[in-house]
Structures are given as structure tokens and as C-alpha cells.
Amino acid sequence: MTWEVIAPGTWVIFAVIGLPVYTVVIAWFLGKPRTLKTSVMGVAYLVSFIASVWIGLFLLTMLIRFVFPAAM
């Protein structure tokens, strides 16, 4: 059986694992008491954390690529 649209791992990551994160972000903006400053700060922390992980993994990948060039 081939997956033509979305692989099962994608569903797991974005639906099951991401669900608590989506719930928290929605609660920041729709919950009571609602403060826009706190909500924006929470989203900024979340985005900066995700960006730092992706950038760090990218730099580590490039370091491994240059240290072990024969593995390519």
C-alpha cells in the first residue's frame, strides 16, 4: 500500500503530538482572563524555541557534513 497524499508519520506529528500545543495557543487567545501581551509573548517564545531547534539542527548537520565529507 502506498501513501499518495500524506504519510502516517505526518499525521502523528501534526495531529497527535501537536494537539496539546495547538490547544495551548488557542487557549492563550480565547481563554479567560485574556491578555494580548501574554498571548503574543507565549507565541514569540514558542516560535523562537522552534526556530532555535531548527537552526541548531541545521548547523549541526552542516558541521557533520564538513567533518565527514566521505560519507556523502
PDB file of N, CA and C in Angstrom:
ATOM      1  N   MET A   1       0.845  -1.183   0.000  1.00  0.00           N
ATOM      2  CA  MET A   1       0.000   0.000   0.000  1.00  0.00           C
ATOM      3  C   MET A   1       0.885   1.239   0.000  1.00  0.00           C
ATOM      4  N   THR A   2       0.611   2.159  -0.879  1.00  0.00           N
ATOM      5  CA  THR A   2       1.383   3.401  -0.942  1.00  0.00           C
ATOM      6  C   THR A   2       0.543   4.565  -0.447  1.00  0.00           C
ATOM      7  N   TRP A   3       1.219   5.495   0.177  1.00  0.00           N
ATOM      8  CA  TRP A   3       0.562   6.704   0.668  1.00  0.00           C
ATOM      9  C   TRP A   3       0.754   7.787  -0.375  1.00  0.00           C
ATOM     10  N   GLU A   4      -0.321   8.224  -0.992  1.00  0.00           N
ATOM     11  CA  GLU A   4      -0.215   9.184  -2.076  1.00  0.00           C
ATOM     12  C   GLU A   4      -0.323  10.633  -1.622  1.00  0.00           C
ATOM     13  N   VAL A   5      -0.946  10.868  -0.491  1.00  0.00           N
ATOM     14  CA  VAL A   5      -1.136  12.249  -0.062  1.00  0.00           C
ATOM     15  C   VAL A   5      -0.231  12.576   1.117  1.00  0.00           C
ATOM     16  N   ILE A   6      -0.485  11.999   2.256  1.00  0.00           N
ATOM     17  CA  ILE A   6       0.284  12.303   3.462  1.00  0.00           C
ATOM     18  C   ILE A   6       0.674  10.988   4.137  1.00  0.00           C
ATOM     19  N   ALA A   7       1.935  10.890   4.497  1.00  0.00           N
ATOM     20  CA  ALA A   7       2.436   9.693   5.169  1.00  0.00           C
ATOM     21  C   ALA A   7       1.888   9.610   6.590  1.00  0.00           C
ATOM     22  N   PRO A   8       1.794   8.407   7.156  1.00  0.00           N
ATOM     23  CA  PRO A   8       1.236   8.267   8.508  1.00  0.00           C
ATOM     24  C   PRO A   8       2.033   9.005   9.578  1.00  0.00           C
ATOM     25  N   GLY A   9       3.349   9.113   9.417  1.00  0.00           N
ATOM     26  CA  GLY A   9       4.149   9.833  10.403  1.00  0.00           C
ATOM     27  C   GLY A   9       3.792  11.306  10.474  1.00  0.00           C
ATOM     28  N   THR A  10       3.404  11.868   9.350  1.00  0.00           N
ATOM     29  CA  THR A  10       2.997  13.274   9.317  1.00  0.00           C
ATOM     30  C   THR A  10       1.726  13.483  10.124  1.00  0.00           C
ATOM     31  N   TRP A  11       0.784  12.567   9.982  1.00  0.00           N
ATOM     32  CA  TRP A  11      -0.447  12.655  10.778  1.00  0.00           C
ATOM     33  C   TRP A  11      -0.132  12.569  12.263  1.00  0.00           C
ATOM     34  N   VAL A  12       0.765  11.680  12.643  1.00  0.00           N
ATOM     35  CA  VAL A  12       1.108  11.518  14.057  1.00  0.00           C
ATOM     36  C   VAL A  12       1.737  12.794  14.599  1.00  0.00           C
ATOM     37  N   ILE A  13       2.674  13.355  13.859  1.00  0.00           N
ATOM     38  CA  ILE A  13       3.371  14.550  14.345  1.00  0.00           C
ATOM     39  C   ILE A  13       2.430  15.741  14.453  1.00  0.00           C
ATOM     40  N   PHE A  14       1.676  16.028  13.382  1.00  0.00           N
ATOM     41  CA  PHE A  14       0.865  17.242  13.381  1.00  0.00           C
ATOM     42  C   PHE A  14      -0.460  17.091  14.117  1.00  0.00           C
ATOM     43  N   ALA A  15      -0.982  15.893  14.225  1.00  0.00           N
ATOM     44  CA  ALA A  15      -2.269  15.720  14.896  1.00  0.00           C
ATOM     45  C   ALA A  15      -2.097  15.309  16.350  1.00  0.00           C
ATOM     46  N   VAL A  16      -1.438  14.219  16.602  1.00  0.00           N
ATOM     47  CA  VAL A  16      -1.368  13.682  17.961  1.00  0.00           C
ATOM     48  C   VAL A  16      -0.388  14.457  18.831  1.00  0.00           C
ATOM     49  N   ILE A  17       0.822  14.650  18.344  1.00  0.00           N
ATOM     50  CA  ILE A  17       1.828  15.338  19.147  1.00  0.00           C
ATOM     51  C   ILE A  17       1.566  16.839  19.188  1.00  0.00           C
ATOM     52  N   GLY A  18       1.109  17.420  18.093  1.00  0.00           N
ATOM     53  CA  GLY A  18       0.856  18.853  18.057  1.00  0.00           C
ATOM     54  C   GLY A  18      -0.412  19.299  18.744  1.00  0.00           C
ATOM     55  N   LEU A  19      -1.334  18.386  19.003  1.00  0.00           N
ATOM     56  CA  LEU A  19      -2.627  18.753  19.593  1.00  0.00           C
ATOM     57  C   LEU A  19      -2.498  19.524  20.909  1.00  0.00           C
ATOM     58  N   PRO A  20      -1.659  19.104  21.863  1.00  0.00           N
ATOM     59  CA  PRO A  20      -1.525  19.911  23.087  1.00  0.00           C
ATOM     60  C   PRO A  20      -0.982  21.318  22.816  1.00  0.00           C
ATOM     61  N   VAL A  21      -0.078  21.438  21.856  1.00  0.00           N
ATOM     62  CA  VAL A  21       0.467  22.755  21.525  1.00  0.00           C
ATOM     63  C   VAL A  21      -0.614  23.638  20.915  1.00  0.00           C
ATOM     64  N   TYR A  22      -1.392  23.074  19.989  1.00  0.00           N
ATOM     65  CA  TYR A  22      -2.485  23.839  19.383  1.00  0.00           C
ATOM     66  C   TYR A  22      -3.493  24.261  20.449  1.00  0.00           C
ATOM     67  N   THR A  23      -3.785  23.389  21.386  1.00  0.00           N
ATOM     68  CA  THR A  23      -4.739  23.704  22.453  1.00  0.00           C
ATOM     69  C   THR A  23      -4.240  24.862  23.312  1.00  0.00           C
ATOM     70  N   VAL A  24      -2.969  24.852  23.643  1.00  0.00           N
ATOM     71  CA  VAL A  24      -2.401  25.920  24.472  1.00  0.00           C
ATOM     72  C   VAL A  24      -2.443  27.249  23.744  1.00  0.00           C
ATOM     73  N   VAL A  25      -2.064  27.259  22.460  1.00  0.00           N
ATOM     74  CA  VAL A  25      -2.054  28.516  21.697  1.00  0.00           C
ATOM     75  C   VAL A  25      -3.470  29.063  21.559  1.00  0.00           C
ATOM     76  N   ILE A  26      -4.434  28.210  21.288  1.00  0.00           N
ATOM     77  CA  ILE A  26      -5.824  28.661  21.183  1.00  0.00           C
ATOM     78  C   ILE A  26      -6.310  29.185  22.530  1.00  0.00           C
ATOM     79  N   ALA A  27      -5.926  28.505  23.618  1.00  0.00           N
ATOM     80  CA  ALA A  27      -6.347  28.952  24.948  1.00  0.00           C
ATOM     81  C   ALA A  27      -5.745  30.300  25.306  1.00  0.00           C
ATOM     82  N   TRP A  28      -4.520  30.568  24.848  1.00  0.00           N
ATOM     83  CA  TRP A  28      -3.919  31.871  25.118  1.00  0.00           C
ATOM     84  C   TRP A  28      -4.763  33.002  24.542  1.00  0.00           C
ATOM     85  N   PHE A  29      -5.339  32.792  23.369  1.00  0.00           N
ATOM     86  CA  PHE A  29      -6.081  33.859  22.701  1.00  0.00           C
ATOM     87  C   PHE A  29      -7.577  33.843  22.997  1.00  0.00           C
ATOM     88  N   LEU A  30      -8.138  32.691  23.331  1.00  0.00           N
ATOM     89  CA  LEU A  30      -9.582  32.608  23.544  1.00  0.00           C
ATOM     90  C   LEU A  30      -9.985  32.393  24.995  1.00  0.00           C
ATOM     91  N   GLY A  31      -9.025  32.096  25.865  1.00  0.00           N
ATOM     92  CA  GLY A  31      -9.341  31.813  27.264  1.00  0.00           C
ATOM     93  C   GLY A  31      -9.636  33.065  28.065  1.00  0.00           C
ATOM     94  N   LYS A  32     -10.088  32.836  29.279  1.00  0.00           N
ATOM     95  CA  LYS A  32     -10.377  33.933  30.195  1.00  0.00           C
ATOM     96  C   LYS A  32      -9.481  33.780  31.410  1.00  0.00           C
ATOM     97  N   PRO A  33      -8.883  34.774  31.995  1.00  0.00           N
ATOM     98  CA  PRO A  33      -8.794  36.144  31.513  1.00  0.00           C
ATOM     99  C   PRO A  33      -7.832  36.240  30.331  1.00  0.00           C
ATOM    100  N   ARG A  34      -8.122  37.114  29.435  1.00  0.00           N
ATOM    101  CA  ARG A  34      -7.395  37.229  28.184  1.00  0.00           C
ATOM    102  C   ARG A  34      -6.533  38.482  28.205  1.00  0.00           C
ATOM    103  N   THR A  35      -5.228  38.302  28.031  1.00  0.00           N
ATOM    104  CA  THR A  35      -4.314  39.435  27.899  1.00  0.00           C
ATOM    105  C   THR A  35      -3.511  39.240  26.619  1.00  0.00           C
ATOM    106  N   LEU A  36      -3.601  40.211  25.745  1.00  0.00           N
ATOM    107  CA  LEU A  36      -2.944  40.118  24.449  1.00  0.00           C
ATOM    108  C   LEU A  36      -1.427  40.082  24.603  1.00  0.00           C
ATOM    109  N   LYS A  37      -0.893  40.845  25.549  1.00  0.00           N
ATOM    110  CA  LYS A  37       0.558  40.883  25.749  1.00  0.00           C
ATOM    111  C   LYS A  37       1.095  39.502  26.120  1.00  0.00           C
ATOM    112  N   THR A  38       0.427  38.807  27.030  1.00  0.00           N
ATOM    113  CA  THR A  38       0.862  37.478  27.439  1.00  0.00           C
ATOM    114  C   THR A  38       0.721  36.482  26.298  1.00  0.00           C
ATOM    115  N   SER A  39      -0.347  36.583  25.526  1.00  0.00           N
ATOM    116  CA  SER A  39      -0.562  35.677  24.398  1.00  0.00           C
ATOM    117  C   SER A  39       0.517  35.838  23.336  1.00  0.00           C
ATOM    118  N   VAL A  40       0.833  37.069  22.991  1.00  0.00           N
ATOM    119  CA  VAL A  40       1.864  37.328  21.982  1.00  0.00           C
ATOM    120  C   VAL A  40       3.233  36.896  22.504  1.00  0.00           C
ATOM    121  N   MET A  41       3.489  37.117  23.779  1.00  0.00           N
ATOM    122  CA  MET A  41       4.753  36.697  24.366  1.00  0.00           C
ATOM    123  C   MET A  41       4.882  35.166  24.329  1.00  0.00           C
ATOM    124  N   GLY A  42       3.812  34.455  24.611  1.00  0.00           N
ATOM    125  CA  GLY A  42       3.831  32.998  24.546  1.00  0.00           C
ATOM    126  C   GLY A  42       4.096  32.487  23.142  1.00  0.00           C
ATOM    127  N   VAL A  43       3.458  33.095  22.156  1.00  0.00           N
ATOM    128  CA  VAL A  43       3.687  32.697  20.762  1.00  0.00           C
ATOM    129  C   VAL A  43       5.114  33.030  20.348  1.00  0.00           C
ATOM    130  N   ALA A  44       5.625  34.170  20.793  1.00  0.00           N
ATOM    131  CA  ALA A  44       7.004  34.546  20.459  1.00  0.00           C
ATOM    132  C   ALA A  44       7.996  33.555  21.066  1.00  0.00           C
ATOM    133  N   TYR A  45       7.778  33.143  22.316  1.00  0.00           N
ATOM    134  CA  TYR A  45       8.641  32.141  22.929  1.00  0.00           C
ATOM    135  C   TYR A  45       8.571  30.821  22.173  1.00  0.00           C
ATOM    136  N   LEU A  46       7.386  30.413  21.789  1.00  0.00           N
ATOM    137  CA  LEU A  46       7.198  29.164  21.066  1.00  0.00           C
ATOM    138  C   LEU A  46       7.906  29.207  19.714  1.00  0.00           C
ATOM    139  N   VAL A  47       7.733  30.290  18.979  1.00  0.00           N
ATOM    140  CA  VAL A  47       8.380  30.424  17.662  1.00  0.00           C
ATOM    141  C   VAL A  47       9.897  30.501  17.809  1.00  0.00           C
ATOM    142  N   SER A  48      10.382  31.233  18.813  1.00  0.00           N
ATOM    143  CA  SER A  48      11.835  31.331  18.989  1.00  0.00           C
ATOM    144  C   SER A  48      12.436  29.988  19.401  1.00  0.00           C
ATOM    145  N   PHE A  49      11.721  29.219  20.207  1.00  0.00           N
ATOM    146  CA  PHE A  49      12.210  27.894  20.583  1.00  0.00           C
ATOM    147  C   PHE A  49      12.276  26.976  19.363  1.00  0.00           C
ATOM    148  N   ILE A  50      11.229  26.970  18.557  1.00  0.00           N
ATOM    149  CA  ILE A  50      11.205  26.121  17.364  1.00  0.00           C
ATOM    150  C   ILE A  50      12.298  26.550  16.387  1.00  0.00           C
ATOM    151  N   ALA A  51      12.460  27.857  16.200  1.00  0.00           N
ATOM    152  CA  ALA A  51      13.498  28.348  15.287  1.00  0.00           C
ATOM    153  C   ALA A  51      14.890  27.978  15.787  1.00  0.00           C
ATOM    154  N   SER A  52      15.131  28.088  17.083  1.00  0.00           N
ATOM    155  CA  SER A  52      16.456  27.750  17.607  1.00  0.00           C
ATOM    156  C   SER A  52      16.749  26.263  17.449  1.00  0.00           C
ATOM    157  N   VAL A  53      15.750  25.417  17.614  1.00  0.00           N
ATOM    158  CA  VAL A  53      15.953  23.977  17.418  1.00  0.00           C
ATOM    159  C   VAL A  53      16.276  23.684  15.952  1.00  0.00           C
ATOM    160  N   TRP A  54      15.499  24.249  15.032  1.00  0.00           N
ATOM    161  CA  TRP A  54      15.731  24.007  13.597  1.00  0.00           C
ATOM    162  C   TRP A  54      17.083  24.549  13.152  1.00  0.00           C
ATOM    163  N   ILE A  55      17.429  25.753  13.587  1.00  0.00           N
ATOM    164  CA  ILE A  55      18.711  26.341  13.194  1.00  0.00           C
ATOM    165  C   ILE A  55      19.866  25.543  13.793  1.00  0.00           C
ATOM    166  N   GLY A  56      19.730  25.144  15.048  1.00  0.00           N
ATOM    167  CA  GLY A  56      20.771  24.334  15.684  1.00  0.00           C
ATOM    168  C   GLY A  56      20.957  22.996  14.989  1.00  0.00           C
ATOM    169  N   LEU A  57      19.863  22.346  14.631  1.00  0.00           N
ATOM    170  CA  LEU A  57      19.977  21.075  13.918  1.00  0.00           C
ATOM    171  C   LEU A  57      20.588  21.262  12.536  1.00  0.00           C
ATOM    172  N   PHE A  58      20.251  22.347  11.868  1.00  0.00           N
ATOM    173  CA  PHE A  58      20.842  22.625  10.568  1.00  0.00           C
ATOM    174  C   PHE A  58      22.349  22.830  10.687  1.00  0.00           C
ATOM    175  N   LEU A  59      22.768  23.643  11.662  1.00  0.00           N
ATOM    176  CA  LEU A  59      24.202  23.887  11.841  1.00  0.00           C
ATOM    177  C   LEU A  59      24.938  22.606  12.223  1.00  0.00           C
ATOM    178  N   LEU A  60      24.339  21.787  13.065  1.00  0.00           N
ATOM    179  CA  LEU A  60      24.954  20.519  13.419  1.00  0.00           C
ATOM    180  C   LEU A  60      25.071  19.598  12.205  1.00  0.00           C
ATOM    181  N   THR A  61      24.068  19.593  11.353  1.00  0.00           N
ATOM    182  CA  THR A  61      24.118  18.802  10.127  1.00  0.00           C
ATOM    183  C   THR A  61      25.227  19.279   9.212  1.00  0.00           C
ATOM    184  N   MET A  62      25.380  20.591   9.071  1.00  0.00           N
ATOM    185  CA  MET A  62      26.451  21.122   8.231  1.00  0.00           C
ATOM    186  C   MET A  62      27.826  20.806   8.821  1.00  0.00           C
ATOM    187  N   LEU A  63      27.959  20.859  10.134  1.00  0.00           N
ATOM    188  CA  LEU A  63      29.215  20.510  10.783  1.00  0.00           C
ATOM    189  C   LEU A  63      29.557  19.049  10.520  1.00  0.00           C
ATOM    190  N   ILE A  64      28.608  18.163  10.670  1.00  0.00           N
ATOM    191  CA  ILE A  64      28.834  16.745  10.400  1.00  0.00           C
ATOM    192  C   ILE A  64      29.186  16.538   8.934  1.00  0.00           C
ATOM    193  N   ARG A  65      28.540  17.286   8.057  1.00  0.00           N
ATOM    194  CA  ARG A  65      28.816  17.160   6.626  1.00  0.00           C
ATOM    195  C   ARG A  65      30.259  17.550   6.297  1.00  0.00           C
ATOM    196  N   PHE A  66      30.767  18.603   6.941  1.00  0.00           N
ATOM    197  CA  PHE A  66      32.125  19.052   6.652  1.00  0.00           C
ATOM    198  C   PHE A  66      33.174  18.223   7.369  1.00  0.00           C
ATOM    199  N   VAL A  67      32.842  17.656   8.518  1.00  0.00           N
ATOM    200  CA  VAL A  67      33.791  16.826   9.252  1.00  0.00           C
ATOM    201  C   VAL A  67      33.934  15.459   8.585  1.00  0.00           C
ATOM    202  N   PHE A  68      32.845  14.915   8.062  1.00  0.00           N
ATOM    203  CA  PHE A  68      32.869  13.602   7.417  1.00  0.00           C
ATOM    204  C   PHE A  68      32.433  13.731   5.959  1.00  0.00           C
ATOM    205  N   PRO A  69      33.272  14.310   5.108  1.00  0.00           N
ATOM    206  CA  PRO A  69      32.858  14.536   3.709  1.00  0.00           C
ATOM    207  C   PRO A  69      32.759  13.247   2.888  1.00  0.00           C
ATOM    208  N   ALA A  70      33.440  12.164   3.277  1.00  0.00           N
ATOM    209  CA  ALA A  70      33.408  10.934   2.510  1.00  0.00           C
ATOM    210  C   ALA A  70      32.085  10.190   2.658  1.00  0.00           C
ATOM    211  N   ALA A  71      31.288  10.544   3.635  1.00  0.00           N
ATOM    212  CA  ALA A  71      30.026   9.844   3.869  1.00  0.00           C
ATOM    213  C   ALA A  71      28.943  10.257   2.878  1.00  0.00           C
ATOM    214  N   MET A  72      29.202  11.287   2.067  1.00  0.00           N
ATOM    215  CA  MET A  72      28.184  11.746   1.125  1.00  0.00           C
ATOM    216  C   MET A  72      28.150  10.921  -0.127  1.00  0.00           C
TER     217      MET A  72
END
